[in-house]
Amino acid sequence: MSDNPRIEDLRRRIQKDPASIAFAQLAEEYRRAGQYTLAIEVCRAGLALHPGYLSARVTLGRALIELGQDDDAQRELAVVVKGAPENLAAIRGLAGIHHRRGALVEALAQYRTALTLARNDPDLEETVNDLTRQLARQKGPEPSDGLSLEQVQQELAVSYVPPPGGPPSPGPEAVPEAPPASPPIAAPAPRLVTRPSVAPLPVHAPPAPPPAVQHTPADMDLDQARAIQTLAVLEQWIAAIHVARADRHP
């Protein structure tokens, strides 16, 4: 005999009509009173006759959670959320199950959904913020997509140590000699036309054209070698920067 008059009244109603939906109210009263086993028994008996009664299934899931039967509780609450996506009690129950299991990503998703339905709930808001920070710490800093020129200069100033002797530079042998000047083109010998009554006029030779500057294959090979050498030095600097950053942020 229970001391709760509400429970006694509901029990009498169900005894008179075993198919009554009052079973859901009775099960909830048992759950609130901490009689979780009785709540589960009443829920399962009633749901056998009324399987679509989602509020009774929520009570069943919450009573199962109290007894540590999370797997069974998750199945019941998942049925509720599928039929009623905005059922706050079922969503919070699922969030708690994921949280206890350490599935923080799934738990955070459920808590955020619950917070959209209960925006003024400070406990929910605090839980969402705590989980967000915890996941951010586990994830770590975002990888960089690359370094700008300013970042390269800053990193070099802070952490780069040049190799002994400094970066390689092209020696004297790499400087090409100037190509020999082309010999001047001789002007053709002038032809003098003599006439009895006209004095011959001198014919001046035209100025020699300037020698054409031509790029030999050796010049092109030298430019290419300088470009490759510059790229190699830059790659060494960037690699040294990344090593230094990794040492500073293990």
Protein backbone atom coordinates (compact mmCIF):
# COMPACT_ATOMS: atom_id res chain seq x y z
CA MET A 1 0.00 0.00 0.00
CA SER A 2 1.53 3.30 -1.07
CA ASP A 3 1.43 6.45 1.03
CA ASN A 4 0.95 8.53 -2.13
CA PRO A 5 -2.79 9.12 -2.68
CA ARG A 6 -2.18 9.99 -6.32
CA ILE A 7 -0.56 6.61 -6.95
CA GLU A 8 -3.40 4.78 -5.18
CA ASP A 9 -6.03 6.57 -7.22
CA LEU A 10 -4.29 5.74 -10.50
CA ARG A 11 -3.84 2.11 -9.52
CA ARG A 12 -7.58 1.74 -8.85
CA ARG A 13 -8.38 3.29 -12.23
CA ILE A 14 -6.12 0.82 -14.04
CA GLN A 15 -7.54 -2.12 -12.07
CA LYS A 16 -10.99 -1.19 -13.28
CA ASP A 17 -9.80 -0.63 -16.87
CA PRO A 18 -6.51 -2.39 -17.71
CA ALA A 19 -6.53 -0.75 -21.18
CA SER A 20 -6.68 2.76 -19.72
CA ILE A 21 -3.99 5.22 -20.78
CA ALA A 22 -3.74 6.26 -17.14
CA PHE A 23 -0.86 3.78 -16.96
CA ALA A 24 1.47 6.52 -18.24
CA GLN A 25 0.58 8.81 -15.32
CA LEU A 26 1.00 5.97 -12.84
CA ALA A 27 4.42 5.08 -14.23
CA GLU A 28 5.53 8.71 -14.04
CA GLU A 29 4.42 8.92 -10.40
CA TYR A 30 6.42 5.78 -9.64
CA ARG A 31 9.47 7.31 -11.35
CA ARG A 32 9.21 10.56 -9.40
CA ALA A 33 8.90 8.58 -6.19
CA GLY A 34 12.12 6.73 -7.01
CA GLN A 35 10.36 3.41 -7.61
CA TYR A 36 12.04 2.88 -10.97
CA THR A 37 11.43 -0.86 -11.27
CA LEU A 38 7.66 -0.39 -10.82
CA ALA A 39 7.71 2.49 -13.31
CA ILE A 40 9.38 0.25 -15.92
CA GLU A 41 6.92 -2.60 -15.34
CA VAL A 42 3.87 -0.32 -15.67
CA CYS A 43 5.27 1.36 -18.79
CA ARG A 44 6.00 -1.89 -20.59
CA ALA A 45 2.61 -3.33 -19.75
CA GLY A 46 0.84 -0.21 -20.99
CA LEU A 47 3.00 0.20 -24.11
CA ALA A 48 2.13 -3.34 -25.14
CA LEU A 49 -1.43 -2.01 -25.61
CA HIS A 50 -0.54 1.57 -26.64
CA PRO A 51 2.85 1.44 -28.44
CA GLY A 52 2.44 4.94 -29.85
CA TYR A 53 2.12 6.62 -26.45
CA LEU A 54 5.40 8.55 -26.57
CA SER A 55 5.14 10.24 -23.17
CA ALA A 56 5.04 6.80 -21.52
CA ARG A 57 8.09 5.80 -23.57
CA VAL A 58 9.93 8.88 -22.26
CA THR A 59 9.11 7.81 -18.71
CA LEU A 60 10.37 4.33 -19.50
CA GLY A 61 13.64 5.67 -20.92
CA ARG A 62 14.26 7.95 -17.94
CA ALA A 63 13.56 5.13 -15.46
CA LEU A 64 15.98 2.87 -17.35
CA ILE A 65 18.66 5.55 -17.14
CA GLU A 66 18.24 5.70 -13.37
CA LEU A 67 18.93 1.95 -13.19
CA GLY A 68 22.01 2.27 -15.42
CA GLN A 69 20.44 0.50 -18.40
CA ASP A 70 21.63 3.04 -20.96
CA ASP A 71 21.40 0.77 -24.00
CA ASP A 72 17.69 0.05 -23.43
CA ALA A 73 17.07 3.68 -22.54
CA GLN A 74 18.73 4.89 -25.74
CA ARG A 75 16.51 2.64 -27.86
CA GLU A 76 13.35 3.93 -26.18
CA LEU A 77 14.34 7.59 -26.39
CA ALA A 78 15.45 7.26 -30.02
CA VAL A 79 11.93 6.07 -30.86
CA VAL A 80 10.54 9.15 -29.14
CA VAL A 81 12.84 11.59 -30.97
CA LYS A 82 12.02 9.96 -34.29
CA GLY A 83 8.30 10.47 -33.71
CA ALA A 84 8.60 13.81 -31.87
CA PRO A 85 11.86 15.61 -32.82
CA GLU A 86 11.16 18.45 -30.37
CA ASN A 87 10.64 16.31 -27.28
CA LEU A 88 13.03 18.07 -24.90
CA ALA A 89 13.06 15.34 -22.23
CA ALA A 90 14.03 12.65 -24.77
CA ILE A 91 16.74 14.85 -26.33
CA ARG A 92 18.30 15.62 -22.97
CA GLY A 93 18.15 11.96 -22.02
CA LEU A 94 20.05 10.99 -25.18
CA ALA A 95 22.57 13.78 -24.60
CA GLY A 96 23.25 12.48 -21.10
CA ILE A 97 23.78 8.93 -22.37
CA HIS A 98 26.33 10.09 -24.98
CA HIS A 99 28.03 12.30 -22.39
CA ARG A 100 28.50 9.45 -19.92
CA ARG A 101 29.93 7.24 -22.64
CA GLY A 102 32.48 9.88 -23.61
CA ALA A 103 30.94 10.49 -27.05
CA LEU A 104 31.36 14.23 -26.68
CA VAL A 105 30.64 15.18 -30.29
CA GLU A 106 27.27 13.36 -30.24
CA ALA A 107 26.50 14.70 -26.77
CA LEU A 108 27.24 18.28 -27.82
CA ALA A 109 24.98 17.94 -30.86
CA GLN A 110 22.08 16.77 -28.65
CA TYR A 111 22.71 19.46 -26.02
CA ARG A 112 22.73 22.16 -28.70
CA THR A 113 19.43 20.89 -30.05
CA ALA A 114 17.99 20.97 -26.54
CA LEU A 115 19.29 24.53 -26.06
CA THR A 116 17.41 25.69 -29.15
CA LEU A 117 14.23 24.43 -27.48
CA ALA A 118 15.08 25.85 -24.03
CA ARG A 119 17.06 29.01 -24.71
CA ASN A 120 16.78 30.35 -21.16
CA ASP A 121 18.16 27.24 -19.48
CA PRO A 122 21.45 28.28 -17.80
CA ASP A 123 22.47 24.68 -17.05
CA LEU A 124 22.13 23.69 -20.69
CA GLU A 125 24.04 26.76 -21.83
CA GLU A 126 26.86 26.06 -19.39
CA THR A 127 27.06 22.42 -20.49
CA VAL A 128 27.23 23.42 -24.16
CA ASN A 129 30.01 25.94 -23.46
CA ASP A 130 32.01 23.46 -21.38
CA LEU A 131 31.81 20.73 -24.03
CA THR A 132 32.69 23.18 -26.79
CA ARG A 133 35.87 24.24 -24.94
CA GLN A 134 36.75 20.64 -24.12
CA LEU A 135 36.47 19.55 -27.75
CA ALA A 136 38.49 22.58 -28.87
CA ARG A 137 41.32 21.59 -26.51
CA GLN A 138 41.26 18.01 -27.78
CA LYS A 139 41.30 19.12 -31.39
CA GLY A 140 44.27 21.47 -30.96
CA PRO A 141 45.24 24.43 -33.16
CA GLU A 142 44.14 24.49 -36.78
CA PRO A 143 46.90 23.62 -39.27
CA SER A 144 48.25 26.54 -41.21
CA ASP A 145 47.63 26.64 -44.94
CA GLY A 146 50.94 28.42 -45.54
CA LEU A 147 53.08 31.36 -44.48
CA SER A 148 52.85 34.83 -45.89
CA LEU A 149 55.97 36.82 -46.71
CA GLU A 150 55.62 38.82 -43.48
CA GLN A 151 55.23 35.62 -41.43
CA VAL A 152 58.33 34.15 -43.07
CA GLN A 153 60.32 37.26 -42.20
CA GLN A 154 59.08 37.24 -38.58
CA GLU A 155 59.81 33.54 -38.13
CA LEU A 156 63.28 33.96 -39.63
CA ALA A 157 64.03 36.82 -37.25
CA VAL A 158 62.92 34.79 -34.21
CA SER A 159 63.99 31.23 -34.86
CA TYR A 160 66.17 30.76 -37.94
CA VAL A 161 69.82 29.93 -37.36
CA PRO A 162 71.84 30.13 -40.59
CA PRO A 163 74.10 27.18 -41.43
CA PRO A 164 77.88 27.59 -40.98
CA GLY A 165 79.33 29.78 -43.67
CA GLY A 166 75.94 31.28 -44.51
CA PRO A 167 73.76 30.43 -47.49
CA PRO A 168 75.64 29.33 -50.59
CA SER A 169 76.38 31.98 -53.13
CA PRO A 170 77.57 31.63 -56.68
CA GLY A 171 81.37 31.69 -56.89
CA PRO A 172 83.49 33.63 -59.34
CA GLU A 173 83.46 30.72 -61.72
CA ALA A 174 79.70 31.06 -62.11
CA VAL A 175 79.98 34.57 -63.60
CA PRO A 176 80.14 34.26 -67.38
CA GLU A 177 82.63 36.18 -69.36
CA ALA A 178 81.37 38.80 -71.74
CA PRO A 179 81.04 37.43 -75.25
CA PRO A 180 83.71 38.70 -77.63
CA ALA A 181 82.70 41.62 -79.70
CA SER A 182 81.96 40.87 -83.29
CA PRO A 183 84.54 42.27 -85.71
CA PRO A 184 83.42 45.36 -87.60
CA ILE A 185 82.00 44.74 -91.01
CA ALA A 186 84.25 46.21 -93.63
CA ALA A 187 82.60 48.53 -96.11
CA PRO A 188 82.89 47.62 -99.79
CA ALA A 189 85.54 49.47 -101.76
CA PRO A 190 84.11 52.56 -103.47
CA ARG A 191 83.92 52.71 -107.23
CA LEU A 192 84.95 55.98 -108.82
CA VAL A 193 83.23 57.02 -111.99
CA THR A 194 85.39 59.43 -114.02
CA ARG A 195 84.00 61.73 -116.60
CA PRO A 196 85.98 64.17 -118.69
CA SER A 197 84.17 67.28 -117.43
CA VAL A 198 83.11 66.28 -113.86
CA ALA A 199 85.40 65.88 -110.91
CA PRO A 200 85.05 62.58 -109.09
CA LEU A 201 83.07 62.70 -105.81
CA PRO A 202 84.33 60.71 -102.82
CA VAL A 203 82.10 57.94 -101.56
CA HIS A 204 82.07 57.54 -97.74
CA ALA A 205 81.72 54.09 -96.19
CA PRO A 206 78.52 53.64 -94.01
CA PRO A 207 79.06 53.15 -90.26
CA ALA A 208 79.34 49.59 -89.10
CA PRO A 209 76.12 48.30 -87.36
CA PRO A 210 76.41 47.56 -83.60
CA PRO A 211 77.03 43.93 -82.74
CA ALA A 212 73.83 42.03 -81.94
CA VAL A 213 73.50 40.77 -78.35
CA GLN A 214 72.64 37.11 -78.39
CA HIS A 215 71.77 34.82 -75.43
CA THR A 216 73.75 31.67 -75.66
CA PRO A 217 72.62 28.37 -74.12
CA ALA A 218 75.22 28.90 -71.41
CA ASP A 219 73.46 32.15 -70.35
CA MET A 220 70.08 30.40 -70.13
CA ASP A 221 71.58 27.51 -68.16
CA LEU A 222 73.12 29.99 -65.73
CA ASP A 223 69.78 31.80 -65.13
CA GLN A 224 68.03 28.51 -64.55
CA ALA A 225 70.73 27.36 -62.12
CA ARG A 226 70.43 30.62 -60.16
CA ALA A 227 66.64 30.24 -59.91
CA ILE A 228 66.92 26.64 -58.70
CA GLN A 229 69.57 27.64 -56.15
CA THR A 230 67.37 30.49 -54.81
CA LEU A 231 64.37 28.17 -54.45
CA ALA A 232 66.49 25.61 -52.59
CA VAL A 233 67.67 28.24 -50.08
CA LEU A 234 64.09 29.45 -49.54
CA GLU A 235 62.89 25.88 -48.93
CA GLN A 236 65.64 25.44 -46.30
CA TRP A 237 64.45 28.60 -44.51
CA ILE A 238 60.81 27.52 -44.50
CA ALA A 239 61.72 24.04 -43.23
CA ALA A 240 63.74 25.60 -40.42
CA ILE A 241 60.75 27.79 -39.53
CA HIS A 242 58.38 24.82 -39.26
CA VAL A 243 60.88 22.92 -37.08
CA ALA A 244 61.21 25.92 -34.77
CA ARG A 245 57.43 26.35 -34.53
CA ALA A 246 57.01 22.68 -33.67
CA ASP A 247 59.64 23.03 -30.91
CA ARG A 248 57.82 26.04 -29.45
CA HIS A 249 54.39 24.36 -29.61
CA PRO A 250 54.89 20.64 -28.92
